[in-house]
């Protein structure tokens, strides 16, 4: 199982993955932190991405995701990271740490972390 950050999920839904990302995602189950769904809805609301969250194909992809809840352990770990960033990114990274699940991200700040388990292609 892999943990996808918000933008990787958007790239996957829109078919904008790099070849190594596409290969990795094709052979693993996808998961996201609950905050990713909130971020997705906010990005649509703000007009920063063009995605119809009611579209049948989009809903099908989102329904297949394993969604990790934000619990106290994730909240605590998010305050102990070796980087500072967007609070949602910190929760996404903490989710990967707590559940020991590789994160797939293009975010350079997160990729420099020594604490966050990253998918092999993301290093």
N, C-alpha and C. Protein backbone atom coordinates (compact mmCIF):
# COMPACT_ATOMS: atom_id res chain seq x y z
N UNK A 1 0.85 -1.18 0.00
CA UNK A 1 0.00 0.00 0.00
C UNK A 1 0.89 1.24 0.00
N UNK A 2 0.43 2.26 -0.68
CA UNK A 2 1.13 3.54 -0.76
C UNK A 2 0.24 4.65 -0.23
N UNK A 3 0.86 5.68 0.32
CA UNK A 3 0.16 6.87 0.76
C UNK A 3 0.42 7.96 -0.27
N UNK A 4 -0.62 8.51 -0.86
CA UNK A 4 -0.46 9.54 -1.88
C UNK A 4 -0.70 10.92 -1.29
N UNK A 5 0.16 11.87 -1.66
CA UNK A 5 -0.13 13.23 -1.25
C UNK A 5 -1.20 13.79 -2.19
N UNK A 6 -1.70 14.95 -1.87
CA UNK A 6 -2.84 15.52 -2.60
C UNK A 6 -2.54 15.68 -4.09
N UNK A 7 -1.39 16.23 -4.42
CA UNK A 7 -1.11 16.47 -5.83
C UNK A 7 -0.90 15.19 -6.61
N UNK A 8 -0.31 14.17 -5.98
CA UNK A 8 -0.16 12.89 -6.67
C UNK A 8 -1.52 12.28 -6.96
N UNK A 9 -2.45 12.42 -6.03
CA UNK A 9 -3.81 11.92 -6.27
C UNK A 9 -4.45 12.68 -7.44
N UNK A 10 -4.26 13.97 -7.47
CA UNK A 10 -4.80 14.78 -8.58
C UNK A 10 -4.18 14.33 -9.90
N UNK A 11 -2.86 14.16 -9.92
CA UNK A 11 -2.19 13.71 -11.14
C UNK A 11 -2.72 12.34 -11.57
N UNK A 12 -2.94 11.46 -10.61
CA UNK A 12 -3.44 10.11 -10.92
C UNK A 12 -4.85 10.18 -11.51
N UNK A 13 -5.71 10.97 -10.89
CA UNK A 13 -7.09 11.07 -11.37
C UNK A 13 -7.13 11.71 -12.76
N UNK A 14 -6.27 12.69 -12.99
CA UNK A 14 -6.25 13.40 -14.27
C UNK A 14 -5.40 12.73 -15.34
N UNK A 15 -4.71 11.63 -14.99
CA UNK A 15 -3.86 10.95 -15.96
C UNK A 15 -2.57 11.68 -16.26
N UNK A 16 -2.06 12.44 -15.28
CA UNK A 16 -0.85 13.23 -15.48
C UNK A 16 0.36 12.68 -14.72
N UNK A 17 0.38 11.37 -14.51
CA UNK A 17 1.49 10.76 -13.78
C UNK A 17 2.73 10.62 -14.66
N UNK A 18 3.89 10.69 -14.03
CA UNK A 18 5.15 10.36 -14.71
C UNK A 18 5.18 8.84 -14.86
N UNK A 19 5.99 8.35 -15.78
CA UNK A 19 6.00 6.91 -16.06
C UNK A 19 6.35 6.08 -14.82
N UNK A 20 7.33 6.51 -14.01
CA UNK A 20 7.69 5.75 -12.82
C UNK A 20 6.58 5.78 -11.77
N UNK A 21 5.85 6.89 -11.69
CA UNK A 21 4.71 6.99 -10.77
C UNK A 21 3.59 6.06 -11.23
N UNK A 22 3.32 6.08 -12.53
CA UNK A 22 2.26 5.23 -13.08
C UNK A 22 2.56 3.76 -12.82
N UNK A 23 3.80 3.36 -13.03
CA UNK A 23 4.19 1.97 -12.80
C UNK A 23 4.02 1.61 -11.32
N UNK A 24 4.52 2.45 -10.44
CA UNK A 24 4.42 2.20 -9.00
C UNK A 24 2.97 2.12 -8.54
N UNK A 25 2.15 3.05 -9.00
CA UNK A 25 0.75 3.08 -8.57
C UNK A 25 -0.05 1.93 -9.17
N UNK A 26 0.39 1.42 -10.31
CA UNK A 26 -0.35 0.33 -10.95
C UNK A 26 -0.22 -1.00 -10.20
N UNK A 27 0.81 -1.13 -9.37
CA UNK A 27 1.04 -2.40 -8.69
C UNK A 27 0.82 -2.32 -7.18
N UNK A 28 0.31 -1.20 -6.69
CA UNK A 28 0.08 -1.02 -5.26
C UNK A 28 -1.30 -0.45 -5.00
N UNK A 29 -1.84 -0.79 -3.85
CA UNK A 29 -3.10 -0.19 -3.40
C UNK A 29 -2.81 1.24 -2.94
N UNK A 30 -3.77 2.13 -3.17
CA UNK A 30 -3.59 3.53 -2.82
C UNK A 30 -4.28 3.85 -1.50
N UNK A 31 -3.67 4.76 -0.75
CA UNK A 31 -4.30 5.29 0.45
C UNK A 31 -3.99 6.77 0.53
N UNK A 32 -4.78 7.46 1.34
CA UNK A 32 -4.56 8.89 1.58
C UNK A 32 -4.92 9.22 3.02
N UNK A 33 -4.33 10.27 3.52
CA UNK A 33 -4.78 10.84 4.78
C UNK A 33 -6.13 11.49 4.53
N UNK A 34 -6.98 11.49 5.54
CA UNK A 34 -8.31 12.12 5.40
C UNK A 34 -8.20 13.57 4.96
N UNK A 35 -7.13 14.24 5.35
CA UNK A 35 -6.99 15.66 4.99
C UNK A 35 -6.84 15.85 3.48
N UNK A 36 -6.39 14.83 2.77
CA UNK A 36 -6.25 14.92 1.31
C UNK A 36 -7.61 15.15 0.66
N UNK A 37 -8.64 14.47 1.15
CA UNK A 37 -9.98 14.66 0.58
C UNK A 37 -10.48 16.08 0.82
N UNK A 38 -10.18 16.61 2.00
CA UNK A 38 -10.55 18.00 2.31
C UNK A 38 -9.79 18.95 1.38
N UNK A 39 -8.47 18.72 1.24
CA UNK A 39 -7.68 19.58 0.36
C UNK A 39 -8.19 19.55 -1.08
N UNK A 40 -8.54 18.37 -1.53
CA UNK A 40 -9.07 18.21 -2.88
C UNK A 40 -10.33 19.06 -3.06
N UNK A 41 -11.25 18.96 -2.13
CA UNK A 41 -12.50 19.74 -2.20
C UNK A 41 -12.21 21.24 -2.16
N UNK A 42 -11.26 21.66 -1.31
CA UNK A 42 -10.92 23.09 -1.23
C UNK A 42 -10.29 23.59 -2.52
N UNK A 43 -9.41 22.79 -3.12
CA UNK A 43 -8.79 23.20 -4.37
C UNK A 43 -9.81 23.35 -5.49
N UNK A 44 -10.80 22.47 -5.50
CA UNK A 44 -11.89 22.59 -6.48
C UNK A 44 -12.69 23.85 -6.19
N UNK A 45 -13.07 24.05 -4.92
CA UNK A 45 -13.87 25.21 -4.53
C UNK A 45 -13.17 26.52 -4.90
N UNK A 46 -11.86 26.58 -4.69
CA UNK A 46 -11.10 27.79 -4.96
C UNK A 46 -10.75 27.97 -6.43
N UNK A 47 -11.10 26.97 -7.26
CA UNK A 47 -10.82 27.04 -8.68
C UNK A 47 -9.36 26.80 -9.03
N UNK A 48 -8.61 26.22 -8.11
CA UNK A 48 -7.19 25.96 -8.36
C UNK A 48 -6.97 24.69 -9.16
N UNK A 49 -7.97 23.79 -9.15
CA UNK A 49 -7.92 22.62 -10.03
C UNK A 49 -9.28 22.48 -10.67
N UNK A 50 -9.29 21.92 -11.87
CA UNK A 50 -10.53 21.68 -12.59
C UNK A 50 -10.85 20.20 -12.49
N UNK A 51 -11.73 19.86 -11.55
CA UNK A 51 -12.11 18.47 -11.34
C UNK A 51 -13.55 18.46 -10.84
N UNK A 52 -14.35 17.59 -11.41
CA UNK A 52 -15.73 17.44 -10.97
C UNK A 52 -15.79 16.29 -9.97
N UNK A 53 -15.92 16.62 -8.70
CA UNK A 53 -15.93 15.60 -7.66
C UNK A 53 -17.19 14.74 -7.69
N UNK A 54 -18.17 15.13 -8.50
CA UNK A 54 -19.36 14.31 -8.67
C UNK A 54 -19.32 13.44 -9.92
N UNK A 55 -18.26 13.60 -10.70
CA UNK A 55 -18.09 12.78 -11.90
C UNK A 55 -17.97 11.31 -11.51
N UNK A 56 -18.65 10.45 -12.24
CA UNK A 56 -18.68 9.02 -11.92
C UNK A 56 -17.28 8.40 -11.86
N UNK A 57 -16.42 8.72 -12.81
CA UNK A 57 -15.08 8.16 -12.84
C UNK A 57 -14.23 8.65 -11.67
N UNK A 58 -14.35 9.93 -11.35
CA UNK A 58 -13.61 10.49 -10.21
C UNK A 58 -14.08 9.84 -8.92
N UNK A 59 -15.37 9.74 -8.76
CA UNK A 59 -15.93 9.11 -7.54
C UNK A 59 -15.50 7.64 -7.43
N UNK A 60 -15.40 6.97 -8.56
CA UNK A 60 -14.96 5.56 -8.56
C UNK A 60 -13.52 5.45 -8.03
N UNK A 61 -12.64 6.32 -8.51
CA UNK A 61 -11.25 6.32 -8.04
C UNK A 61 -11.19 6.63 -6.55
N UNK A 62 -11.91 7.66 -6.12
CA UNK A 62 -11.87 8.06 -4.71
C UNK A 62 -12.48 7.00 -3.80
N UNK A 63 -13.48 6.29 -4.28
CA UNK A 63 -14.12 5.25 -3.46
C UNK A 63 -13.20 4.07 -3.22
N UNK A 64 -12.22 3.87 -4.07
CA UNK A 64 -11.30 2.73 -3.94
C UNK A 64 -10.13 3.03 -2.99
N UNK A 65 -10.00 4.27 -2.55
CA UNK A 65 -8.91 4.65 -1.66
C UNK A 65 -9.13 4.14 -0.25
N UNK A 66 -8.03 3.74 0.39
CA UNK A 66 -8.08 3.53 1.84
C UNK A 66 -7.81 4.91 2.45
N UNK A 67 -8.68 5.36 3.34
CA UNK A 67 -8.54 6.69 3.94
C UNK A 67 -8.11 6.53 5.40
N UNK A 68 -6.94 7.09 5.72
CA UNK A 68 -6.42 7.06 7.08
C UNK A 68 -7.01 8.23 7.87
N UNK A 69 -7.62 7.96 9.02
CA UNK A 69 -8.14 9.07 9.84
C UNK A 69 -7.00 9.86 10.48
N UNK A 70 -7.30 11.08 10.85
CA UNK A 70 -6.34 11.90 11.58
C UNK A 70 -6.62 11.67 13.07
N UNK A 71 -5.71 10.96 13.71
CA UNK A 71 -5.90 10.67 15.13
C UNK A 71 -4.84 11.41 15.95
N UNK A 72 -4.87 11.20 17.26
CA UNK A 72 -3.95 11.91 18.15
C UNK A 72 -2.49 11.60 17.83
N UNK A 73 -2.19 10.34 17.53
CA UNK A 73 -0.80 9.97 17.23
C UNK A 73 -0.29 10.71 16.00
N UNK A 74 -1.10 10.78 14.97
CA UNK A 74 -0.71 11.51 13.76
C UNK A 74 -0.55 12.99 14.07
N UNK A 75 -1.46 13.54 14.85
CA UNK A 75 -1.36 14.95 15.23
C UNK A 75 -0.06 15.22 15.98
N UNK A 76 0.30 14.35 16.92
CA UNK A 76 1.54 14.53 17.69
C UNK A 76 2.76 14.41 16.78
N UNK A 77 2.80 13.37 15.95
CA UNK A 77 3.95 13.18 15.07
C UNK A 77 4.10 14.34 14.10
N UNK A 78 2.99 14.93 13.68
CA UNK A 78 3.06 16.05 12.73
C UNK A 78 3.78 17.26 13.33
N UNK A 79 3.88 17.31 14.65
CA UNK A 79 4.58 18.42 15.30
C UNK A 79 6.05 18.11 15.56
N UNK A 80 6.48 16.90 15.20
CA UNK A 80 7.86 16.46 15.47
C UNK A 80 8.64 16.12 14.20
N UNK A 81 8.24 16.66 13.10
CA UNK A 81 8.90 16.36 11.82
C UNK A 81 10.21 17.12 11.69
N UNK A 82 11.04 16.71 10.78
CA UNK A 82 12.31 17.40 10.52
C UNK A 82 12.19 18.42 9.39
N UNK A 83 10.97 18.88 9.14
CA UNK A 83 10.72 19.96 8.18
C UNK A 83 9.47 20.70 8.61
N UNK A 84 9.32 21.90 8.12
CA UNK A 84 8.11 22.68 8.33
C UNK A 84 7.52 22.96 6.96
N UNK A 85 6.20 22.84 6.90
CA UNK A 85 5.54 23.08 5.62
C UNK A 85 4.09 23.39 5.86
N UNK A 86 3.35 23.23 4.82
CA UNK A 86 1.90 23.38 4.89
C UNK A 86 1.38 22.38 5.93
N UNK A 87 0.48 22.80 6.83
CA UNK A 87 -0.02 21.87 7.84
C UNK A 87 -0.61 20.58 7.26
N UNK A 88 -1.26 20.66 6.13
CA UNK A 88 -1.81 19.45 5.51
C UNK A 88 -0.68 18.52 5.09
N UNK A 89 0.40 19.08 4.55
CA UNK A 89 1.56 18.25 4.17
C UNK A 89 2.16 17.58 5.39
N UNK A 90 2.20 18.29 6.50
CA UNK A 90 2.75 17.72 7.72
C UNK A 90 1.88 16.55 8.20
N UNK A 91 0.57 16.68 8.09
CA UNK A 91 -0.33 15.58 8.49
C UNK A 91 -0.18 14.39 7.54
N UNK A 92 -0.05 14.66 6.25
CA UNK A 92 0.14 13.59 5.27
C UNK A 92 1.44 12.84 5.56
N UNK A 93 2.52 13.59 5.82
CA UNK A 93 3.80 12.97 6.14
C UNK A 93 3.72 12.17 7.44
N UNK A 94 3.08 12.73 8.45
CA UNK A 94 2.93 12.04 9.73
C UNK A 94 2.13 10.75 9.58
N UNK A 95 1.16 10.76 8.69
CA UNK A 95 0.37 9.55 8.42
C UNK A 95 1.27 8.44 7.92
N UNK A 96 2.19 8.77 7.02
CA UNK A 96 3.12 7.76 6.51
C UNK A 96 4.04 7.24 7.62
N UNK A 97 4.47 8.12 8.49
CA UNK A 97 5.34 7.70 9.59
C UNK A 97 4.60 6.78 10.56
N UNK A 98 3.44 7.22 11.01
CA UNK A 98 2.68 6.45 12.01
C UNK A 98 2.30 5.08 11.48
N UNK A 99 1.87 5.00 10.23
CA UNK A 99 1.42 3.72 9.68
C UNK A 99 2.53 2.99 8.92
N UNK A 100 3.73 3.57 8.91
CA UNK A 100 4.88 2.99 8.23
C UNK A 100 4.53 2.58 6.81
N UNK A 101 4.02 3.55 6.08
CA UNK A 101 3.57 3.33 4.72
C UNK A 101 4.25 4.35 3.81
N UNK A 102 4.86 3.90 2.71
CA UNK A 102 5.60 4.83 1.85
C UNK A 102 4.71 5.92 1.25
N UNK A 103 5.23 7.13 1.30
CA UNK A 103 4.54 8.28 0.73
C UNK A 103 5.01 8.49 -0.70
N UNK A 104 4.08 8.79 -1.59
CA UNK A 104 4.41 9.15 -2.96
C UNK A 104 4.12 10.64 -3.09
N UNK A 105 5.19 11.40 -3.32
CA UNK A 105 5.07 12.85 -3.40
C UNK A 105 6.15 13.41 -4.31
N UNK A 106 5.87 14.56 -4.89
CA UNK A 106 6.88 15.30 -5.65
C UNK A 106 7.42 16.47 -4.82
N UNK A 107 6.85 16.67 -3.64
CA UNK A 107 7.21 17.80 -2.78
C UNK A 107 8.68 17.67 -2.34
N UNK A 108 9.51 18.61 -2.76
CA UNK A 108 10.94 18.54 -2.47
C UNK A 108 11.24 18.65 -0.97
N UNK A 109 10.48 19.45 -0.26
CA UNK A 109 10.71 19.60 1.17
C UNK A 109 10.47 18.28 1.89
N UNK A 110 9.37 17.62 1.58
CA UNK A 110 9.06 16.34 2.21
C UNK A 110 10.09 15.29 1.79
N UNK A 111 10.48 15.30 0.53
CA UNK A 111 11.42 14.29 0.01
C UNK A 111 12.79 14.39 0.68
N UNK A 112 13.12 15.54 1.25
CA UNK A 112 14.40 15.69 1.96
C UNK A 112 14.33 15.18 3.40
N UNK A 113 13.15 14.85 3.86
CA UNK A 113 12.98 14.38 5.24
C UNK A 113 13.71 13.06 5.46
N UNK A 114 14.30 12.93 6.63
CA UNK A 114 14.94 11.67 7.03
C UNK A 114 13.97 10.80 7.83
N UNK A 115 12.79 11.32 8.13
CA UNK A 115 11.82 10.60 8.95
C UNK A 115 10.69 9.96 8.15
N UNK A 116 10.32 10.57 7.05
CA UNK A 116 9.16 10.12 6.27
C UNK A 116 9.56 8.96 5.37
N UNK A 117 8.88 7.82 5.48
CA UNK A 117 9.16 6.72 4.55
C UNK A 117 8.62 7.07 3.17
N UNK A 118 9.49 7.08 2.19
CA UNK A 118 9.11 7.45 0.84
C UNK A 118 9.09 6.23 -0.06
N UNK A 119 8.21 6.27 -1.05
CA UNK A 119 8.20 5.20 -2.06
C UNK A 119 9.54 5.25 -2.77
N UNK A 120 10.04 4.10 -3.18
CA UNK A 120 11.40 3.97 -3.73
C UNK A 120 11.69 4.98 -4.84
N UNK A 121 10.75 5.23 -5.73
CA UNK A 121 11.00 6.14 -6.84
C UNK A 121 11.05 7.60 -6.40
N UNK A 122 10.54 7.91 -5.21
CA UNK A 122 10.44 9.31 -4.78
C UNK A 122 11.72 9.86 -4.18
N UNK A 123 12.69 9.05 -3.91
CA UNK A 123 13.94 9.53 -3.28
C UNK A 123 14.85 10.19 -4.28
